[in-house]
Amino acid sequence: MRLSRIIMALTVGLAVAAVPTAAGAAQPQPPVYPPGVASLTVSPTTIRLGETFTLRGSNFAPNETVRHDVAISGLPAAAPAEGTARRSDGSTVAMAPVAYTPNRAQPQPAPTTFTVTADGNGEYTVTYRPTRPGRHTFTATGLTSARTASATGTVLPPRPTKPTRPPHHGGLPVTGDSIGTPLKLGGGLAAAGAVLLLASMAWRRRRAG
């Protein structure tokens, strides 16, 4: 009798001990993503300051958050000059390169870290507008799958503004010297005419006397 009770107690104890193990085995486990190679592209690869990059990522985990880190380097020392300038005498002079200096009133700096949520296929598209010229390297990291990808784009300084020319209707441009010359000539002719008129009147009076 005692032996049967001992066997029953052992059976119940083993059953109770097995319950937590079974419960732990039934708990959901996080999904295991198979290894893969993520992809990131930048389009276009070269832009001018004020334009926008388009970033496209693919082969990340479905619906995961992807962090982007932006590294900027290689700022150009000078901007290329284009065109020529015209002087008041009609001659032209080449424009020399001018070092790029940002305006004092700067827009809000573009972020160097931002996140994007991928769709159900692990893909996404996002735009990025730089506020500094230079070489921009984008590194994307999936916060769930730990997959990474990178791409690079170049931002050039804005195009230099060409000098404005005053509108004129044909012929040579009007300058200060070209206006003063007719005025001087007209004044001389008027003075000569007055002298001739006085001489003619004096000559007529002599003949009449």
N, C-alpha and C. Protein backbone atom coordinates (compact mmCIF):
# COMPACT_ATOMS: atom_id res chain seq x y z
N MET A 1 0.84 -1.20 0.00
CA MET A 1 0.00 0.00 0.00
C MET A 1 0.87 1.24 0.00
N ARG A 2 1.88 1.21 0.90
CA ARG A 2 2.78 2.35 0.93
C ARG A 2 3.54 2.50 -0.38
N LEU A 3 3.89 1.39 -0.98
CA LEU A 3 4.63 1.44 -2.25
C LEU A 3 3.80 2.08 -3.35
N SER A 4 2.52 1.77 -3.39
CA SER A 4 1.64 2.35 -4.42
C SER A 4 1.50 3.85 -4.22
N ARG A 5 1.45 4.30 -2.95
CA ARG A 5 1.34 5.74 -2.69
C ARG A 5 2.63 6.46 -3.10
N ILE A 6 3.74 5.81 -2.84
CA ILE A 6 5.01 6.42 -3.24
C ILE A 6 5.09 6.57 -4.76
N ILE A 7 4.67 5.52 -5.46
CA ILE A 7 4.69 5.56 -6.93
C ILE A 7 3.76 6.65 -7.45
N MET A 8 2.58 6.78 -6.83
CA MET A 8 1.61 7.80 -7.25
C MET A 8 2.17 9.20 -7.01
N ALA A 9 2.84 9.40 -5.85
CA ALA A 9 3.40 10.72 -5.54
C ALA A 9 4.50 11.09 -6.54
N LEU A 10 5.33 10.11 -6.89
CA LEU A 10 6.37 10.37 -7.88
C LEU A 10 5.77 10.73 -9.24
N THR A 11 4.69 10.04 -9.60
CA THR A 11 4.05 10.31 -10.89
C THR A 11 3.49 11.73 -10.94
N VAL A 12 2.82 12.14 -9.85
CA VAL A 12 2.26 13.50 -9.79
C VAL A 12 3.38 14.55 -9.83
N GLY A 13 4.47 14.29 -9.10
CA GLY A 13 5.59 15.25 -9.10
C GLY A 13 6.20 15.43 -10.47
N LEU A 14 6.38 14.32 -11.18
CA LEU A 14 6.93 14.41 -12.53
C LEU A 14 6.00 15.17 -13.46
N ALA A 15 4.70 14.98 -13.30
CA ALA A 15 3.73 15.68 -14.14
C ALA A 15 3.76 17.17 -13.88
N VAL A 16 3.84 17.53 -12.58
CA VAL A 16 3.89 18.96 -12.25
C VAL A 16 5.18 19.60 -12.76
N ALA A 17 6.29 18.91 -12.68
CA ALA A 17 7.56 19.45 -13.16
C ALA A 17 7.59 19.60 -14.67
N ALA A 18 6.83 18.77 -15.36
CA ALA A 18 6.83 18.83 -16.82
C ALA A 18 5.98 19.96 -17.36
N VAL A 19 5.06 20.51 -16.55
CA VAL A 19 4.16 21.57 -17.03
C VAL A 19 4.92 22.83 -17.43
N PRO A 20 5.83 23.40 -16.59
CA PRO A 20 6.56 24.60 -17.02
C PRO A 20 7.40 24.38 -18.27
N THR A 21 7.97 23.18 -18.39
CA THR A 21 8.78 22.89 -19.57
C THR A 21 7.95 22.93 -20.83
N ALA A 22 6.77 22.35 -20.76
CA ALA A 22 5.88 22.35 -21.92
C ALA A 22 5.40 23.76 -22.23
N ALA A 23 5.12 24.53 -21.16
CA ALA A 23 4.66 25.91 -21.38
C ALA A 23 5.76 26.74 -22.02
N GLY A 24 7.01 26.54 -21.57
CA GLY A 24 8.12 27.28 -22.15
C GLY A 24 8.34 26.91 -23.60
N ALA A 25 8.16 25.65 -23.92
CA ALA A 25 8.35 25.23 -25.30
C ALA A 25 7.27 25.79 -26.20
N ALA A 26 6.09 26.10 -25.65
CA ALA A 26 4.99 26.60 -26.46
C ALA A 26 5.07 28.09 -26.71
N GLN A 27 5.96 28.83 -26.03
CA GLN A 27 6.06 30.27 -26.21
C GLN A 27 6.58 30.59 -27.61
N PRO A 28 6.00 31.66 -28.26
CA PRO A 28 6.45 32.01 -29.61
C PRO A 28 7.87 32.55 -29.60
N GLN A 29 8.63 32.15 -30.56
CA GLN A 29 10.01 32.58 -30.70
C GLN A 29 10.11 33.64 -31.80
N PRO A 30 11.03 34.60 -31.68
CA PRO A 30 11.19 35.61 -32.74
C PRO A 30 11.59 34.95 -34.05
N PRO A 31 11.10 35.48 -35.17
CA PRO A 31 11.42 34.86 -36.46
C PRO A 31 12.91 34.95 -36.76
N VAL A 32 13.40 33.92 -37.37
CA VAL A 32 14.81 33.87 -37.78
C VAL A 32 14.87 34.19 -39.26
N TYR A 33 15.51 35.33 -39.61
CA TYR A 33 15.58 35.74 -40.99
C TYR A 33 16.78 35.08 -41.66
N PRO A 34 16.56 34.49 -42.82
CA PRO A 34 17.69 33.87 -43.52
C PRO A 34 18.68 34.95 -43.95
N PRO A 35 19.95 34.61 -44.02
CA PRO A 35 20.94 35.62 -44.44
C PRO A 35 20.67 36.08 -45.87
N GLY A 36 20.83 37.37 -46.09
CA GLY A 36 20.60 37.95 -47.41
C GLY A 36 21.43 39.20 -47.57
N VAL A 37 21.52 39.68 -48.78
CA VAL A 37 22.29 40.88 -49.09
C VAL A 37 21.33 42.01 -49.39
N ALA A 38 21.33 43.03 -48.53
CA ALA A 38 20.47 44.19 -48.75
C ALA A 38 21.07 45.08 -49.84
N SER A 39 20.24 45.93 -50.42
CA SER A 39 20.68 46.79 -51.51
C SER A 39 20.19 48.21 -51.26
N LEU A 40 21.03 49.20 -51.60
CA LEU A 40 20.68 50.61 -51.49
C LEU A 40 21.24 51.35 -52.70
N THR A 41 20.39 52.14 -53.37
CA THR A 41 20.82 52.91 -54.53
C THR A 41 20.47 54.38 -54.32
N VAL A 42 21.27 55.25 -54.95
CA VAL A 42 21.05 56.70 -54.92
C VAL A 42 20.88 57.18 -56.35
N SER A 43 19.82 57.95 -56.60
CA SER A 43 19.55 58.45 -57.94
C SER A 43 19.08 59.91 -57.88
N PRO A 44 19.67 60.77 -58.73
CA PRO A 44 20.87 60.56 -59.54
C PRO A 44 22.12 60.55 -58.66
N THR A 45 23.22 60.12 -59.21
CA THR A 45 24.44 60.02 -58.41
C THR A 45 25.14 61.37 -58.23
N THR A 46 24.82 62.35 -59.07
CA THR A 46 25.41 63.69 -58.96
C THR A 46 24.33 64.73 -59.12
N ILE A 47 24.26 65.66 -58.16
CA ILE A 47 23.27 66.73 -58.21
C ILE A 47 23.94 68.06 -57.86
N ARG A 48 23.21 69.15 -58.06
CA ARG A 48 23.63 70.47 -57.61
C ARG A 48 22.96 70.77 -56.27
N LEU A 49 23.61 71.63 -55.48
CA LEU A 49 23.04 72.00 -54.20
C LEU A 49 21.67 72.63 -54.41
N GLY A 50 20.69 72.16 -53.66
CA GLY A 50 19.30 72.58 -53.83
C GLY A 50 18.45 71.52 -54.50
N GLU A 51 19.08 70.51 -55.12
CA GLU A 51 18.34 69.41 -55.74
C GLU A 51 18.20 68.26 -54.74
N THR A 52 17.58 67.15 -55.16
CA THR A 52 17.19 66.08 -54.23
C THR A 52 17.68 64.72 -54.71
N PHE A 53 18.19 63.91 -53.78
CA PHE A 53 18.50 62.50 -54.02
C PHE A 53 17.24 61.66 -53.80
N THR A 54 17.16 60.53 -54.50
CA THR A 54 16.14 59.51 -54.25
C THR A 54 16.84 58.22 -53.84
N LEU A 55 16.57 57.74 -52.61
CA LEU A 55 17.18 56.52 -52.09
C LEU A 55 16.17 55.38 -52.19
N ARG A 56 16.63 54.23 -52.70
CA ARG A 56 15.79 53.04 -52.81
C ARG A 56 16.50 51.87 -52.14
N GLY A 57 15.83 51.26 -51.16
CA GLY A 57 16.37 50.10 -50.47
C GLY A 57 15.56 48.85 -50.77
N SER A 58 16.20 47.71 -50.76
CA SER A 58 15.51 46.44 -51.03
C SER A 58 16.21 45.30 -50.29
N ASN A 59 15.49 44.18 -50.16
CA ASN A 59 15.98 42.95 -49.53
C ASN A 59 16.26 43.15 -48.04
N PHE A 60 15.49 44.04 -47.40
CA PHE A 60 15.51 44.12 -45.94
C PHE A 60 14.38 43.25 -45.40
N ALA A 61 14.28 43.10 -44.08
CA ALA A 61 13.21 42.29 -43.49
C ALA A 61 11.87 43.00 -43.70
N PRO A 62 10.79 42.25 -43.85
CA PRO A 62 9.48 42.87 -44.05
C PRO A 62 9.10 43.76 -42.88
N ASN A 63 8.67 44.98 -43.21
CA ASN A 63 8.12 45.93 -42.22
C ASN A 63 9.13 46.32 -41.13
N GLU A 64 10.40 46.16 -41.37
CA GLU A 64 11.37 46.54 -40.34
C GLU A 64 11.78 48.01 -40.49
N THR A 65 12.31 48.57 -39.42
CA THR A 65 12.81 49.94 -39.43
C THR A 65 14.27 49.93 -39.89
N VAL A 66 14.57 50.79 -40.84
CA VAL A 66 15.92 50.87 -41.41
C VAL A 66 16.50 52.23 -41.05
N ARG A 67 17.64 52.22 -40.37
CA ARG A 67 18.32 53.46 -40.00
C ARG A 67 19.34 53.83 -41.06
N HIS A 68 19.41 55.14 -41.35
CA HIS A 68 20.37 55.65 -42.34
C HIS A 68 21.33 56.63 -41.67
N ASP A 69 22.61 56.41 -41.87
CA ASP A 69 23.65 57.31 -41.40
C ASP A 69 24.30 57.97 -42.61
N VAL A 70 24.46 59.30 -42.56
CA VAL A 70 25.00 60.06 -43.69
C VAL A 70 26.36 60.63 -43.30
N ALA A 71 27.39 60.28 -44.06
CA ALA A 71 28.74 60.82 -43.86
C ALA A 71 29.07 61.75 -45.02
N ILE A 72 29.53 62.97 -44.72
CA ILE A 72 29.81 63.98 -45.73
C ILE A 72 31.30 64.30 -45.72
N SER A 73 31.91 64.30 -46.89
CA SER A 73 33.35 64.58 -46.99
C SER A 73 33.64 65.18 -48.35
N GLY A 74 34.89 65.63 -48.50
CA GLY A 74 35.34 66.11 -49.81
C GLY A 74 34.65 67.36 -50.28
N LEU A 75 34.54 68.39 -49.43
CA LEU A 75 33.93 69.64 -49.85
C LEU A 75 34.82 70.32 -50.87
N PRO A 76 34.27 70.79 -52.00
CA PRO A 76 35.10 71.46 -53.00
C PRO A 76 35.58 72.81 -52.50
N ALA A 77 36.80 73.19 -52.90
CA ALA A 77 37.37 74.46 -52.45
C ALA A 77 36.90 75.63 -53.29
N ALA A 78 36.56 75.38 -54.55
CA ALA A 78 36.14 76.48 -55.41
C ALA A 78 35.09 75.99 -56.37
N ALA A 79 34.25 76.91 -56.80
CA ALA A 79 33.20 76.60 -57.76
C ALA A 79 33.68 76.98 -59.16
N PRO A 80 33.38 76.18 -60.19
CA PRO A 80 33.80 76.52 -61.54
C PRO A 80 33.03 77.74 -62.06
N ALA A 81 33.74 78.61 -62.73
CA ALA A 81 33.10 79.80 -63.28
C ALA A 81 32.66 79.54 -64.70
N GLU A 82 31.58 80.19 -65.12
CA GLU A 82 31.06 80.02 -66.46
C GLU A 82 30.74 81.40 -67.03
N GLY A 83 30.99 81.57 -68.36
CA GLY A 83 30.60 82.80 -69.02
C GLY A 83 31.61 83.92 -68.87
N THR A 84 31.27 85.06 -69.44
CA THR A 84 32.12 86.24 -69.37
C THR A 84 31.30 87.44 -68.95
N ALA A 85 32.00 88.50 -68.55
CA ALA A 85 31.34 89.76 -68.17
C ALA A 85 31.71 90.82 -69.20
N ARG A 86 30.76 91.73 -69.47
CA ARG A 86 30.98 92.78 -70.47
C ARG A 86 31.18 94.13 -69.77
N ARG A 87 32.23 94.85 -70.18
CA ARG A 87 32.50 96.17 -69.63
C ARG A 87 31.66 97.23 -70.34
N SER A 88 31.72 98.48 -69.81
CA SER A 88 30.94 99.56 -70.41
C SER A 88 31.45 99.96 -71.79
N ASP A 89 32.74 99.69 -72.08
CA ASP A 89 33.28 100.04 -73.39
C ASP A 89 33.05 98.95 -74.43
N GLY A 90 32.34 97.88 -74.06
CA GLY A 90 32.04 96.83 -75.01
C GLY A 90 32.98 95.66 -74.98
N SER A 91 34.11 95.76 -74.31
CA SER A 91 35.06 94.65 -74.22
C SER A 91 34.56 93.62 -73.21
N THR A 92 35.10 92.41 -73.31
CA THR A 92 34.70 91.33 -72.41
C THR A 92 35.89 90.88 -71.59
N VAL A 93 35.61 90.31 -70.43
CA VAL A 93 36.65 89.80 -69.54
C VAL A 93 36.16 88.48 -68.96
N ALA A 94 37.06 87.48 -68.86
CA ALA A 94 36.69 86.17 -68.34
C ALA A 94 36.47 86.25 -66.84
N MET A 95 35.51 85.47 -66.36
CA MET A 95 35.22 85.42 -64.93
C MET A 95 36.15 84.41 -64.27
N ALA A 96 36.83 84.79 -63.20
CA ALA A 96 37.73 83.90 -62.47
C ALA A 96 36.94 83.05 -61.50
N PRO A 97 37.40 81.82 -61.17
CA PRO A 97 36.71 80.99 -60.18
C PRO A 97 36.66 81.70 -58.83
N VAL A 98 35.54 81.55 -58.17
CA VAL A 98 35.32 82.17 -56.87
C VAL A 98 35.08 81.07 -55.85
N ALA A 99 35.76 81.13 -54.70
CA ALA A 99 35.57 80.13 -53.65
C ALA A 99 34.14 80.14 -53.17
N TYR A 100 33.59 78.94 -52.96
CA TYR A 100 32.20 78.82 -52.52
C TYR A 100 32.10 79.16 -51.04
N THR A 101 31.25 80.13 -50.73
CA THR A 101 31.01 80.54 -49.36
C THR A 101 29.52 80.49 -49.10
N PRO A 102 29.03 79.67 -48.18
CA PRO A 102 27.60 79.60 -47.93
C PRO A 102 27.06 80.93 -47.44
N ASN A 103 25.80 81.18 -47.76
CA ASN A 103 25.14 82.39 -47.28
C ASN A 103 24.96 82.32 -45.78
N ARG A 104 24.86 83.48 -45.17
CA ARG A 104 24.68 83.51 -43.73
C ARG A 104 23.33 82.91 -43.33
N ALA A 105 22.31 83.21 -44.13
CA ALA A 105 20.98 82.68 -43.82
C ALA A 105 20.89 81.27 -44.39
N GLN A 106 21.25 80.28 -43.60
CA GLN A 106 21.26 78.89 -44.03
C GLN A 106 19.92 78.22 -43.71
N PRO A 107 19.44 77.33 -44.61
CA PRO A 107 18.24 76.56 -44.27
C PRO A 107 18.54 75.55 -43.18
N GLN A 108 17.51 74.91 -42.70
CA GLN A 108 17.68 73.90 -41.67
C GLN A 108 18.59 72.79 -42.19
N PRO A 109 19.68 72.45 -41.48
CA PRO A 109 20.60 71.43 -42.00
C PRO A 109 19.90 70.09 -42.21
N ALA A 110 20.29 69.41 -43.27
CA ALA A 110 19.73 68.08 -43.53
C ALA A 110 20.20 67.12 -42.44
N PRO A 111 19.35 66.17 -42.03
CA PRO A 111 19.74 65.25 -40.95
C PRO A 111 20.85 64.31 -41.41
N THR A 112 21.72 63.96 -40.49
CA THR A 112 22.76 62.97 -40.77
C THR A 112 22.37 61.58 -40.29
N THR A 113 21.22 61.45 -39.63
CA THR A 113 20.66 60.16 -39.23
C THR A 113 19.14 60.23 -39.33
N PHE A 114 18.55 59.27 -40.02
CA PHE A 114 17.09 59.21 -40.12
C PHE A 114 16.67 57.76 -40.35
N THR A 115 15.40 57.46 -40.09
CA THR A 115 14.88 56.10 -40.21
C THR A 115 13.75 56.04 -41.22
N VAL A 116 13.59 54.85 -41.81
CA VAL A 116 12.53 54.58 -42.78
C VAL A 116 11.97 53.19 -42.47
N THR A 117 10.67 53.01 -42.65
CA THR A 117 10.05 51.70 -42.45
C THR A 117 9.86 51.00 -43.79
N ALA A 118 10.42 49.81 -43.92
CA ALA A 118 10.28 49.04 -45.16
C ALA A 118 8.87 48.48 -45.28
N ASP A 119 8.46 48.15 -46.50
CA ASP A 119 7.13 47.58 -46.70
C ASP A 119 7.18 46.07 -46.48
N GLY A 120 6.09 45.38 -46.83
CA GLY A 120 6.02 43.94 -46.62
C GLY A 120 7.01 43.14 -47.42
N ASN A 121 7.57 43.75 -48.47
CA ASN A 121 8.58 43.06 -49.28
C ASN A 121 10.00 43.46 -48.90
N GLY A 122 10.13 44.25 -47.83
CA GLY A 122 11.46 44.69 -47.42
C GLY A 122 12.04 45.78 -48.30
N GLU A 123 11.17 46.57 -48.95
CA GLU A 123 11.61 47.62 -49.85
C GLU A 123 11.09 48.97 -49.38
N TYR A 124 11.74 50.04 -49.83
CA TYR A 124 11.29 51.39 -49.49
C TYR A 124 11.93 52.38 -50.46
N THR A 125 11.33 53.57 -50.52
CA THR A 125 11.85 54.69 -51.31
C THR A 125 11.70 55.95 -50.49
N VAL A 126 12.77 56.75 -50.42
CA VAL A 126 12.75 57.98 -49.63
C VAL A 126 13.60 59.03 -50.34
N THR A 127 13.24 60.31 -50.19
CA THR A 127 14.01 61.40 -50.79
C THR A 127 14.85 62.09 -49.72
N TYR A 128 15.96 62.66 -50.15
CA TYR A 128 16.88 63.35 -49.24
C TYR A 128 17.43 64.57 -49.95
N ARG A 129 17.26 65.75 -49.32
CA ARG A 129 17.74 67.01 -49.90
C ARG A 129 18.93 67.52 -49.11
N PRO A 130 20.14 67.44 -49.65
CA PRO A 130 21.33 67.90 -48.92
C PRO A 130 21.34 69.43 -48.78
N THR A 131 22.02 69.89 -47.77
CA THR A 131 22.21 71.33 -47.56
C THR A 131 23.69 71.71 -47.57
N ARG A 132 24.55 70.75 -47.91
CA ARG A 132 25.99 71.01 -48.01
C ARG A 132 26.53 70.32 -49.25
N PRO A 133 27.44 70.98 -49.99
CA PRO A 133 28.08 70.29 -51.10
C PRO A 133 29.11 69.30 -50.59
N GLY A 134 29.42 68.30 -51.38
CA GLY A 134 30.42 67.31 -51.00
C GLY A 134 29.98 65.90 -51.35
N ARG A 135 30.75 64.94 -50.91
CA ARG A 135 30.49 63.52 -51.16
C ARG A 135 29.65 62.96 -50.01
N HIS A 136 28.45 62.48 -50.32
CA HIS A 136 27.52 61.97 -49.31
C HIS A 136 27.47 60.43 -49.40
N THR A 137 27.85 59.77 -48.31
CA THR A 137 27.80 58.31 -48.24
C THR A 137 26.66 57.91 -47.30
N PHE A 138 25.67 57.19 -47.84
CA PHE A 138 24.51 56.74 -47.08
C PHE A 138 24.72 55.28 -46.68
N THR A 139 24.58 54.97 -45.40
CA THR A 139 24.69 53.60 -44.89
C THR A 139 23.36 53.23 -44.24
N ALA A 140 22.70 52.20 -44.79
CA ALA A 140 21.41 51.74 -44.28
C ALA A 140 21.61 50.47 -43.46
N THR A 141 20.97 50.40 -42.28
CA THR A 141 21.09 49.25 -41.39
C THR A 141 19.70 48.83 -40.93
N GLY A 142 19.34 47.58 -41.19
CA GLY A 142 18.07 47.06 -40.71
C GLY A 142 18.13 46.79 -39.21
N LEU A 143 17.24 47.40 -38.44
CA LEU A 143 17.29 47.26 -36.99
C LEU A 143 16.80 45.90 -36.51
N THR A 144 16.13 45.14 -37.37
CA THR A 144 15.67 43.79 -37.01
C THR A 144 16.57 42.72 -37.61
N SER A 145 16.86 42.84 -38.89
CA SER A 145 17.66 41.82 -39.58
C SER A 145 19.15 42.07 -39.50
N ALA A 146 19.56 43.29 -39.11
CA ALA A 146 20.97 43.68 -39.05
C ALA A 146 21.64 43.69 -40.42
N ARG A 147 20.85 43.69 -41.48
CA ARG A 147 21.43 43.78 -42.82
C ARG A 147 21.84 45.22 -43.10
N THR A 148 22.92 45.39 -43.84
CA THR A 148 23.43 46.72 -44.14
C THR A 148 23.69 46.87 -45.64
N ALA A 149 23.61 48.11 -46.09
CA ALA A 149 23.92 48.45 -47.48
C ALA A 149 24.32 49.92 -47.51
N SER A 150 25.11 50.29 -48.51
CA SER A 150 25.56 51.68 -48.61
C SER A 150 25.58 52.12 -50.06
N ALA A 151 25.51 53.44 -50.25
CA ALA A 151 25.56 54.04 -51.58
C ALA A 151 26.09 55.46 -51.42
N THR A 152 26.63 56.01 -52.51
CA THR A 152 27.27 57.32 -52.46
C THR A 152 26.73 58.23 -53.56
N GLY A 153 26.56 59.50 -53.22
CA GLY A 153 26.16 60.52 -54.18
C GLY A 153 26.99 61.77 -53.99
N THR A 154 27.16 62.55 -55.04
CA THR A 154 27.97 63.76 -55.01
C THR A 154 27.09 64.99 -55.17
N VAL A 155 27.33 65.98 -54.31
CA VAL A 155 26.58 67.25 -54.35
C VAL A 155 27.55 68.35 -54.76
N LEU A 156 27.30 68.97 -55.91
CA LEU A 156 28.13 70.07 -56.40
C LEU A 156 27.57 71.40 -55.93
N PRO A 157 28.41 72.45 -55.85
CA PRO A 157 27.89 73.77 -55.49
C PRO A 157 26.90 74.26 -56.54
N PRO A 158 26.05 75.22 -56.21
CA PRO A 158 25.10 75.74 -57.20
C PRO A 158 25.82 76.43 -58.33
N ARG A 159 25.17 76.49 -59.49
CA ARG A 159 25.78 77.16 -60.65
C ARG A 159 25.93 78.65 -60.37
N PRO A 160 27.08 79.24 -60.76
CA PRO A 160 27.25 80.68 -60.55
C PRO A 160 26.28 81.47 -61.41
N THR A 161 25.75 82.54 -60.86
CA THR A 161 24.80 83.38 -61.59
C THR A 161 25.54 84.21 -62.62
N LYS A 162 24.99 84.29 -63.83
CA LYS A 162 25.60 85.07 -64.89
C LYS A 162 25.24 86.54 -64.72
N PRO A 163 26.16 87.46 -65.07
CA PRO A 163 25.86 88.89 -64.93
C PRO A 163 24.73 89.32 -65.85
N THR A 164 23.84 90.14 -65.35
CA THR A 164 22.71 90.62 -66.15
C THR A 164 23.17 91.77 -67.04
N ARG A 165 22.64 91.82 -68.26
CA ARG A 165 22.98 92.87 -69.20
C ARG A 165 21.77 93.77 -69.41
N PRO A 166 21.97 95.10 -69.47
CA PRO A 166 20.83 95.99 -69.69
C PRO A 166 20.26 95.79 -71.09
N PRO A 167 18.94 95.75 -71.23
CA PRO A 167 18.34 95.55 -72.56
C PRO A 167 18.55 96.77 -73.45
N HIS A 168 18.82 96.53 -74.73
CA HIS A 168 18.93 97.62 -75.70
C HIS A 168 18.37 97.12 -77.02
N HIS A 169 17.84 98.04 -77.81
CA HIS A 169 17.15 97.70 -79.06
C HIS A 169 18.12 97.85 -80.22
N GLY A 170 18.98 96.88 -80.40
CA GLY A 170 19.89 96.89 -81.52
C GLY A 170 21.03 97.88 -81.36
N GLY A 171 22.03 97.77 -82.20
CA GLY A 171 23.15 98.69 -82.17
C GLY A 171 24.05 98.45 -80.98
N LEU A 172 24.96 99.37 -80.78
CA LEU A 172 25.90 99.26 -79.68
C LEU A 172 25.26 99.67 -78.38
N PRO A 173 25.71 99.14 -77.26
CA PRO A 173 25.15 99.56 -75.98
C PRO A 173 25.43 101.02 -75.71
N VAL A 174 24.47 101.70 -75.09
CA VAL A 174 24.59 103.12 -74.80
C VAL A 174 25.39 103.28 -73.52
N THR A 175 26.44 104.10 -73.57
CA THR A 175 27.27 104.35 -72.39
C THR A 175 27.30 105.83 -72.10
N GLY A 176 27.95 106.21 -71.00
CA GLY A 176 28.02 107.62 -70.63
C GLY A 176 28.79 108.44 -71.65
N ASP A 177 29.89 107.92 -72.20
CA ASP A 177 30.68 108.65 -73.18
C ASP A 177 29.91 108.88 -74.47
N SER A 178 29.12 107.85 -74.91
CA SER A 178 28.39 108.00 -76.15
C SER A 178 27.29 109.03 -76.04
N ILE A 179 26.77 109.32 -74.87
CA ILE A 179 25.75 110.34 -74.68
C ILE A 179 26.40 111.72 -74.62
N GLY A 180 27.54 111.83 -73.96
CA GLY A 180 28.19 113.13 -73.82
C GLY A 180 28.71 113.68 -75.13
N THR A 181 29.17 112.83 -76.04
CA THR A 181 29.74 113.30 -77.31
C THR A 181 28.72 114.05 -78.16
N PRO A 182 27.49 113.53 -78.40
CA PRO A 182 26.51 114.31 -79.18
C PRO A 182 26.15 115.63 -78.52
N LEU A 183 26.11 115.66 -77.18
CA LEU A 183 25.78 116.92 -76.50
C LEU A 183 26.86 117.97 -76.75
N LYS A 184 28.12 117.57 -76.66
CA LYS A 184 29.20 118.52 -76.93
C LYS A 184 29.18 119.00 -78.38
N LEU A 185 28.93 118.08 -79.31
CA LEU A 185 28.89 118.46 -80.71
C LEU A 185 27.74 119.42 -80.99
N GLY A 186 26.58 119.15 -80.39
CA GLY A 186 25.44 120.04 -80.60
C GLY A 186 25.69 121.42 -80.04
N GLY A 187 26.33 121.50 -78.86
CA GLY A 187 26.65 122.81 -78.30
C GLY A 187 27.60 123.61 -79.18
N GLY A 188 28.59 122.94 -79.76
CA GLY A 188 29.53 123.64 -80.64
C GLY A 188 28.86 124.17 -81.90
N LEU A 189 27.96 123.36 -82.47
CA LEU A 189 27.24 123.81 -83.66
C LEU A 189 26.35 125.00 -83.35
N ALA A 190 25.70 124.97 -82.18
CA ALA A 190 24.84 126.10 -81.82
C ALA A 190 25.65 127.38 -81.66
N ALA A 191 26.82 127.29 -81.04
CA ALA A 191 27.67 128.48 -80.87
C ALA A 191 28.14 129.01 -82.23
N ALA A 192 28.52 128.10 -83.12
CA ALA A 192 28.96 128.53 -84.45
C ALA A 192 27.82 129.20 -85.22
N GLY A 193 26.61 128.67 -85.07
CA GLY A 193 25.47 129.28 -85.74
C GLY A 193 25.19 130.67 -85.22
N ALA A 194 25.32 130.87 -83.91
CA ALA A 194 25.09 132.21 -83.34
C ALA A 194 26.11 133.21 -83.86
N VAL A 195 27.37 132.82 -83.97
CA VAL A 195 28.40 133.71 -84.49
C VAL A 195 28.11 134.10 -85.94
N LEU A 196 27.72 133.11 -86.75
CA LEU A 196 27.39 133.39 -88.14
C LEU A 196 26.20 134.32 -88.26
N LEU A 197 25.20 134.15 -87.39
CA LEU A 197 24.01 135.01 -87.43
C LEU A 197 24.37 136.45 -87.10
N LEU A 198 25.20 136.65 -86.08
CA LEU A 198 25.61 138.01 -85.71
C LEU A 198 26.44 138.66 -86.83
N ALA A 199 27.33 137.89 -87.44
CA ALA A 199 28.14 138.43 -88.54
C ALA A 199 27.27 138.82 -89.72
N SER A 200 26.25 138.00 -90.01
CA SER A 200 25.35 138.32 -91.13
C SER A 200 24.56 139.59 -90.87
N MET A 201 24.08 139.77 -89.63
CA MET A 201 23.32 140.98 -89.29
C MET A 201 24.21 142.22 -89.38
N ALA A 202 25.46 142.11 -88.91
CA ALA A 202 26.37 143.26 -89.00
C ALA A 202 26.68 143.62 -90.44
N TRP A 203 26.83 142.61 -91.29
CA TRP A 203 27.12 142.86 -92.70
C TRP A 203 25.96 143.55 -93.38
N ARG A 204 24.71 143.15 -93.05
CA ARG A 204 23.53 143.78 -93.64
C ARG A 204 23.41 145.24 -93.20
N ARG A 205 23.71 145.54 -91.96
CA ARG A 205 23.63 146.91 -91.48
C ARG A 205 24.63 147.80 -92.21
N ARG A 206 25.81 147.28 -92.48
CA ARG A 206 26.81 148.07 -93.19
C ARG A 206 26.33 148.39 -94.61
N ARG A 207 25.74 147.42 -95.25
CA ARG A 207 25.26 147.65 -96.60
C ARG A 207 24.10 148.64 -96.60
N ALA A 208 23.26 148.53 -95.60
CA ALA A 208 22.12 149.46 -95.54
C ALA A 208 22.57 150.88 -95.24
N GLY A 209 23.66 151.07 -94.47
CA GLY A 209 24.15 152.40 -94.14
C GLY A 209 24.87 153.02 -95.31
